[in-house]
Amino acid sequence: MCPQSGKRIPLALPPSDKNAPADKAAQRKAAQDDVFMREVDDALRQDQFEGFFKRFGIPVILVVVLGLGGFGGYLWWSNHQKSVRDGNAETFIQALDDVDASNFDAANDKLAALGQDAEGGSAASAKLMRAGIALKQGRKDEAIGLYKEISGDASVPQPLRDLATVREVAAAYDTMKPQEIVDRLKPLAQPGNPWFGVAGEMTGFAYLQLDKRDLAGPLFAKIARDESQPDSLRSRTRQIAGVLGVDAIEDVIENRPGGDGSGGVGQESIAGAPIAAQ
């Protein structure tokens, strides 16, 4: 009843509860079905996993084990190689110290052991040092043999093989035939090659011994014009080229002893050229 008007106010009726039991039953059934489907799905997944494991489990385990074993082996090998390289480097440094102290026998022993333990460039470097020691001590044949071993070893980096070739020819120049010298050094006696100057000079002298002045003169001139070569070598080859009738001067006339452009080099100087090459 309203206090102001005195009229009775109708109250709202409570909701009807006739469908409540059916809704709850439906919800309960849906929840049970959902639980059942999840259990079935989990069981199916478990069966699939067990089937996969039975079929592929052992191969998969073997692959994993082999992979881990291979990775572990690689780590061991890498660490071992680093230790060997560090040991070889230390031995080489000790050998250099022995050479600086003129303890050539001690240095040679260390380098001989290094040449057996190391491979590739490290072994070749050790042999190059041993060959240098052999030359220093007057054992030319031994030095030439070591240079030949390096130059003929395909596993050695090409720059070291080229170095060994140049030094081998320089050491054996007096005992080699001129054509043999040309054949050995001609690939290196090309402009742009790091050994062009040294190899070219010895090749030029060999051409002179073969009485091929037409090949020797232009080769000496090319060396003289190459600004990457040492000044002493350029000066020497320029003078020899001039004596052979090839002008090796392009733009600048340099001062020469004697002032006649010959630089003091005559025909008689060329006769001793092979000795200078060494």
Protein backbone atom coordinates (compact mmCIF):
# COMPACT_ATOMS: atom_id res chain seq x y z
CA MET A 1 0.00 0.00 0.00
CA CYS A 2 1.24 3.46 -0.95
CA PRO A 3 1.46 5.76 2.09
CA GLN A 4 0.49 8.80 0.10
CA SER A 5 -2.41 7.48 -1.99
CA GLY A 6 -3.52 4.66 0.25
CA LYS A 7 -3.69 2.37 -2.72
CA ARG A 8 -2.37 -1.19 -2.69
CA ILE A 9 0.74 -1.74 -4.92
CA PRO A 10 0.87 -5.18 -6.63
CA LEU A 11 4.01 -7.15 -5.90
CA ALA A 12 6.08 -9.04 -8.62
CA LEU A 13 5.49 -12.76 -8.80
CA PRO A 14 8.47 -15.10 -8.25
CA PRO A 15 9.82 -16.80 -11.44
CA SER A 16 8.35 -20.08 -12.40
CA ASP A 17 10.63 -23.03 -11.44
CA LYS A 18 8.94 -25.64 -13.57
CA ASN A 19 11.95 -26.15 -16.06
CA ALA A 20 14.75 -25.98 -13.44
CA PRO A 21 15.13 -29.76 -12.89
CA ALA A 22 15.33 -30.41 -16.65
CA ASP A 23 17.97 -27.69 -17.17
CA LYS A 24 20.10 -29.01 -14.34
CA ALA A 25 19.87 -32.53 -15.69
CA ALA A 26 20.92 -31.32 -19.16
CA GLN A 27 23.86 -29.42 -17.73
CA ARG A 28 24.93 -32.41 -15.69
CA LYS A 29 24.71 -34.68 -18.72
CA ALA A 30 26.70 -32.20 -20.84
CA ALA A 31 29.41 -32.05 -18.19
CA GLN A 32 29.54 -35.83 -18.00
CA ASP A 33 29.77 -36.07 -21.77
CA ASP A 34 32.58 -33.51 -21.81
CA VAL A 35 34.53 -35.44 -19.17
CA PHE A 36 33.97 -38.66 -21.07
CA MET A 37 35.18 -37.14 -24.36
CA ARG A 38 38.28 -35.79 -22.68
CA GLU A 39 39.04 -39.18 -21.19
CA VAL A 40 38.58 -40.80 -24.58
CA ASP A 41 40.80 -38.18 -26.22
CA ASP A 42 43.52 -38.66 -23.57
CA ALA A 43 43.34 -42.42 -23.98
CA LEU A 44 43.58 -42.08 -27.77
CA ARG A 45 46.63 -39.82 -27.50
CA GLN A 46 48.26 -42.21 -25.08
CA ASP A 47 47.65 -45.11 -27.45
CA GLN A 48 49.11 -43.12 -30.36
CA PHE A 49 52.17 -42.16 -28.34
CA GLU A 50 52.70 -45.75 -27.22
CA GLY A 51 52.32 -46.95 -30.81
CA PHE A 52 54.80 -44.36 -32.08
CA PHE A 53 57.29 -45.24 -29.34
CA LYS A 54 56.99 -48.95 -30.06
CA ARG A 55 57.59 -48.34 -33.75
CA PHE A 56 60.14 -45.53 -33.74
CA GLY A 57 61.34 -45.33 -30.13
CA ILE A 58 64.61 -47.27 -30.49
CA PRO A 59 65.70 -45.51 -33.74
CA VAL A 60 64.92 -42.13 -32.21
CA ILE A 61 66.93 -42.95 -29.08
CA LEU A 62 69.83 -44.15 -31.23
CA VAL A 63 69.77 -40.96 -33.28
CA VAL A 64 69.76 -38.82 -30.14
CA VAL A 65 72.59 -40.83 -28.56
CA LEU A 66 74.66 -40.75 -31.75
CA GLY A 67 74.03 -37.03 -32.14
CA LEU A 68 75.13 -36.29 -28.59
CA GLY A 69 78.13 -38.58 -29.01
CA GLY A 70 79.12 -36.89 -32.28
CA PHE A 71 78.77 -33.44 -30.76
CA GLY A 72 80.86 -34.47 -27.77
CA GLY A 73 83.47 -35.97 -30.08
CA TYR A 74 83.60 -32.76 -32.11
CA LEU A 75 84.12 -30.69 -28.97
CA TRP A 76 86.94 -33.01 -27.87
CA TRP A 77 88.56 -32.98 -31.32
CA SER A 78 88.33 -29.19 -31.56
CA ASN A 79 89.89 -28.75 -28.13
CA HIS A 80 92.60 -31.29 -28.98
CA GLN A 81 93.43 -29.53 -32.25
CA LYS A 82 93.68 -26.20 -30.47
CA SER A 83 96.04 -27.71 -27.89
CA VAL A 84 98.20 -29.20 -30.66
CA ARG A 85 98.34 -25.87 -32.52
CA ASP A 86 99.26 -24.03 -29.34
CA GLY A 87 102.00 -26.58 -28.62
CA ASN A 88 103.37 -26.35 -32.17
CA ALA A 89 103.39 -22.56 -32.02
CA GLU A 90 105.30 -22.66 -28.73
CA THR A 91 107.84 -25.09 -30.21
CA PHE A 92 108.31 -22.88 -33.27
CA ILE A 93 108.87 -19.80 -31.11
CA GLN A 94 111.47 -21.68 -29.06
CA ALA A 95 113.22 -22.73 -32.28
CA LEU A 96 113.29 -19.10 -33.43
CA ASP A 97 114.84 -18.10 -30.11
CA ASP A 98 117.49 -20.79 -30.61
CA VAL A 99 118.26 -19.46 -34.09
CA ASP A 100 118.58 -15.92 -32.74
CA ALA A 101 121.02 -17.27 -30.16
CA SER A 102 122.92 -19.20 -32.90
CA ASN A 103 121.94 -22.52 -31.28
CA PHE A 104 121.31 -24.04 -34.68
CA ASP A 105 121.53 -27.69 -33.62
CA ALA A 106 118.94 -27.21 -30.87
CA ALA A 107 116.69 -25.31 -33.25
CA ASN A 108 117.01 -28.01 -35.91
CA ASP A 109 116.03 -30.74 -33.42
CA LYS A 110 112.92 -28.83 -32.36
CA LEU A 111 111.93 -28.13 -35.95
CA ALA A 112 112.49 -31.76 -36.99
CA ALA A 113 110.10 -32.93 -34.24
CA LEU A 114 107.61 -30.23 -35.24
CA GLY A 115 107.77 -31.34 -38.87
CA GLN A 116 106.76 -34.87 -37.84
CA ASP A 117 103.95 -33.86 -35.47
CA ALA A 118 102.46 -31.01 -37.50
CA GLU A 119 100.97 -31.04 -40.98
CA GLY A 120 100.29 -28.68 -43.85
CA GLY A 121 101.59 -25.16 -43.42
CA SER A 122 103.08 -25.74 -39.96
CA ALA A 123 105.19 -28.69 -41.12
CA ALA A 124 106.26 -26.78 -44.24
CA SER A 125 107.31 -23.75 -42.19
CA ALA A 126 109.39 -26.01 -39.96
CA LYS A 127 111.09 -27.55 -43.01
CA LEU A 128 111.78 -24.12 -44.48
CA MET A 129 113.51 -23.12 -41.25
CA ARG A 130 115.51 -26.36 -41.23
CA ALA A 131 116.58 -25.78 -44.84
CA GLY A 132 117.75 -22.29 -43.94
CA ILE A 133 119.77 -23.69 -41.03
CA ALA A 134 121.27 -26.35 -43.32
CA LEU A 135 122.40 -23.65 -45.77
CA LYS A 136 123.82 -21.63 -42.89
CA GLN A 137 125.85 -24.64 -41.79
CA GLY A 138 127.01 -25.49 -45.31
CA ARG A 139 124.78 -28.53 -45.83
CA LYS A 140 123.48 -27.43 -49.24
CA ASP A 141 122.31 -30.85 -50.44
CA GLU A 142 120.18 -31.34 -47.34
CA ALA A 143 118.67 -27.88 -47.78
CA ILE A 144 117.85 -28.53 -51.44
CA GLY A 145 116.22 -31.84 -50.48
CA LEU A 146 114.01 -30.12 -47.91
CA TYR A 147 112.99 -27.44 -50.40
CA LYS A 148 112.07 -30.16 -52.92
CA GLU A 149 109.92 -31.93 -50.33
CA ILE A 150 107.95 -28.74 -49.70
CA SER A 151 107.56 -27.68 -53.33
CA GLY A 152 106.35 -31.16 -54.30
CA ASP A 153 103.85 -31.57 -51.45
CA ALA A 154 100.32 -30.87 -52.71
CA SER A 155 99.02 -30.52 -49.13
CA VAL A 156 101.21 -27.47 -48.50
CA PRO A 157 99.68 -24.03 -49.23
CA GLN A 158 100.75 -22.74 -52.65
CA PRO A 159 102.57 -19.61 -51.37
CA LEU A 160 104.90 -21.80 -49.28
CA ARG A 161 105.44 -24.15 -52.22
CA ASP A 162 106.38 -21.19 -54.42
CA LEU A 163 108.79 -19.91 -51.77
CA ALA A 164 110.41 -23.34 -51.54
CA THR A 165 110.75 -23.48 -55.34
CA VAL A 166 112.51 -20.11 -55.50
CA ARG A 167 114.89 -20.99 -52.69
CA GLU A 168 115.57 -24.44 -54.11
CA VAL A 169 116.55 -23.00 -57.50
CA ALA A 170 118.64 -20.28 -55.89
CA ALA A 171 120.53 -22.86 -53.80
CA ALA A 172 121.05 -25.27 -56.71
CA TYR A 173 121.57 -22.67 -59.44
CA ASP A 174 125.19 -23.64 -60.18
CA THR A 175 124.31 -27.30 -60.65
CA MET A 176 121.12 -26.86 -62.69
CA LYS A 177 120.86 -26.62 -66.43
CA PRO A 178 119.66 -23.24 -67.73
CA GLN A 179 116.56 -24.73 -69.37
CA GLU A 180 115.68 -26.51 -66.14
CA ILE A 181 115.88 -23.18 -64.32
CA VAL A 182 113.57 -21.60 -66.87
CA ASP A 183 111.07 -24.45 -66.63
CA ARG A 184 110.96 -24.28 -62.83
CA LEU A 185 110.72 -20.50 -62.49
CA LYS A 186 108.82 -19.36 -65.58
CA PRO A 187 105.37 -19.74 -63.91
CA LEU A 188 106.60 -17.44 -61.11
CA ALA A 189 108.45 -15.00 -63.39
CA GLN A 190 105.24 -13.27 -64.45
CA PRO A 191 104.22 -9.66 -63.65
CA GLY A 192 101.84 -9.61 -60.71
CA ASN A 193 103.25 -12.75 -59.13
CA PRO A 194 104.70 -12.13 -55.65
CA TRP A 195 107.97 -13.78 -56.77
CA PHE A 196 108.17 -11.97 -60.11
CA GLY A 197 111.29 -9.97 -59.22
CA VAL A 198 113.47 -12.74 -57.77
CA ALA A 199 112.25 -15.50 -60.08
CA GLY A 200 112.36 -13.18 -63.09
CA GLU A 201 115.94 -12.15 -62.44
CA MET A 202 117.14 -15.77 -62.20
CA THR A 203 115.11 -16.67 -65.29
CA GLY A 204 116.68 -13.76 -67.17
CA PHE A 205 120.17 -14.99 -66.28
CA ALA A 206 119.22 -18.48 -67.47
CA TYR A 207 118.04 -16.98 -70.77
CA LEU A 208 121.45 -15.34 -71.14
CA GLN A 209 123.15 -18.68 -70.57
CA LEU A 210 120.91 -20.10 -73.29
CA ASP A 211 121.95 -17.16 -75.52
CA LYS A 212 118.35 -15.92 -75.64
CA ARG A 213 119.08 -12.23 -75.27
CA ASP A 214 115.81 -11.38 -76.99
CA LEU A 215 113.95 -12.94 -74.05
CA ALA A 216 116.30 -11.82 -71.28
CA GLY A 217 116.33 -8.10 -72.15
CA PRO A 218 112.55 -7.50 -72.09
CA LEU A 219 112.22 -9.56 -68.90
CA PHE A 220 114.85 -7.46 -67.11
CA ALA A 221 113.11 -4.32 -68.38
CA LYS A 222 109.74 -5.46 -66.98
CA ILE A 223 111.31 -6.00 -63.58
CA ALA A 224 112.95 -2.58 -63.71
CA ARG A 225 109.61 -0.90 -64.49
CA ASP A 226 107.77 -2.72 -61.69
CA GLU A 227 107.46 -0.19 -58.87
CA SER A 228 106.56 -2.93 -56.36
CA GLN A 229 110.09 -4.38 -56.60
CA PRO A 230 112.97 -3.32 -54.31
CA ASP A 231 114.96 -0.34 -55.59
CA SER A 232 118.20 -2.31 -55.63
CA LEU A 233 116.67 -4.99 -57.86
CA ARG A 234 115.09 -2.44 -60.19
CA SER A 235 118.36 -0.58 -60.54
CA ARG A 236 120.31 -3.75 -61.27
CA THR A 237 117.87 -5.10 -63.86
CA ARG A 238 117.56 -1.66 -65.49
CA GLN A 239 121.29 -1.55 -66.05
CA ILE A 240 121.39 -5.10 -67.44
CA ALA A 241 118.44 -4.37 -69.75
CA GLY A 242 120.27 -1.28 -71.02
CA VAL A 243 123.38 -3.32 -71.79
CA LEU A 244 121.18 -5.75 -73.73
CA GLY A 245 119.77 -2.86 -75.78
CA VAL A 246 116.37 -2.62 -74.07
CA ASP A 247 115.33 0.77 -72.67
CA ALA A 248 113.84 0.22 -69.21
CA ILE A 249 113.37 3.94 -68.45
CA GLU A 250 109.94 5.38 -69.16
CA ASP A 251 109.64 8.97 -67.97
CA VAL A 252 112.34 9.87 -65.46
CA ILE A 253 116.06 9.77 -66.20
CA GLU A 254 117.76 8.79 -62.98
CA ASN A 255 121.34 9.62 -62.07
CA ARG A 256 123.72 6.77 -62.72
CA PRO A 257 127.39 6.36 -61.85
CA GLY A 258 129.48 7.32 -64.85
CA GLY A 259 126.76 9.55 -66.33
CA ASP A 260 126.61 7.56 -69.57
CA GLY A 261 123.33 5.73 -68.84
CA SER A 262 125.01 2.37 -68.53
CA GLY A 263 125.22 2.50 -64.76
CA GLY A 264 128.70 1.04 -64.84
CA VAL A 265 127.47 -2.35 -66.06
CA GLY A 266 129.21 -3.76 -69.11
CA GLN A 267 129.02 -6.97 -71.04
CA GLU A 268 131.56 -8.52 -68.72
CA SER A 269 129.24 -7.94 -65.74
CA ILE A 270 126.51 -10.09 -67.25
CA ALA A 271 128.77 -13.09 -67.35
CA GLY A 272 128.74 -13.15 -63.56
CA ALA A 273 125.00 -12.58 -63.30
CA PRO A 274 124.03 -16.11 -62.21
CA ILE A 275 126.22 -15.73 -59.16
CA ALA A 276 124.45 -12.49 -58.26
CA ALA A 277 121.10 -14.24 -58.50
CA GLN A 278 121.92 -16.45 -55.61
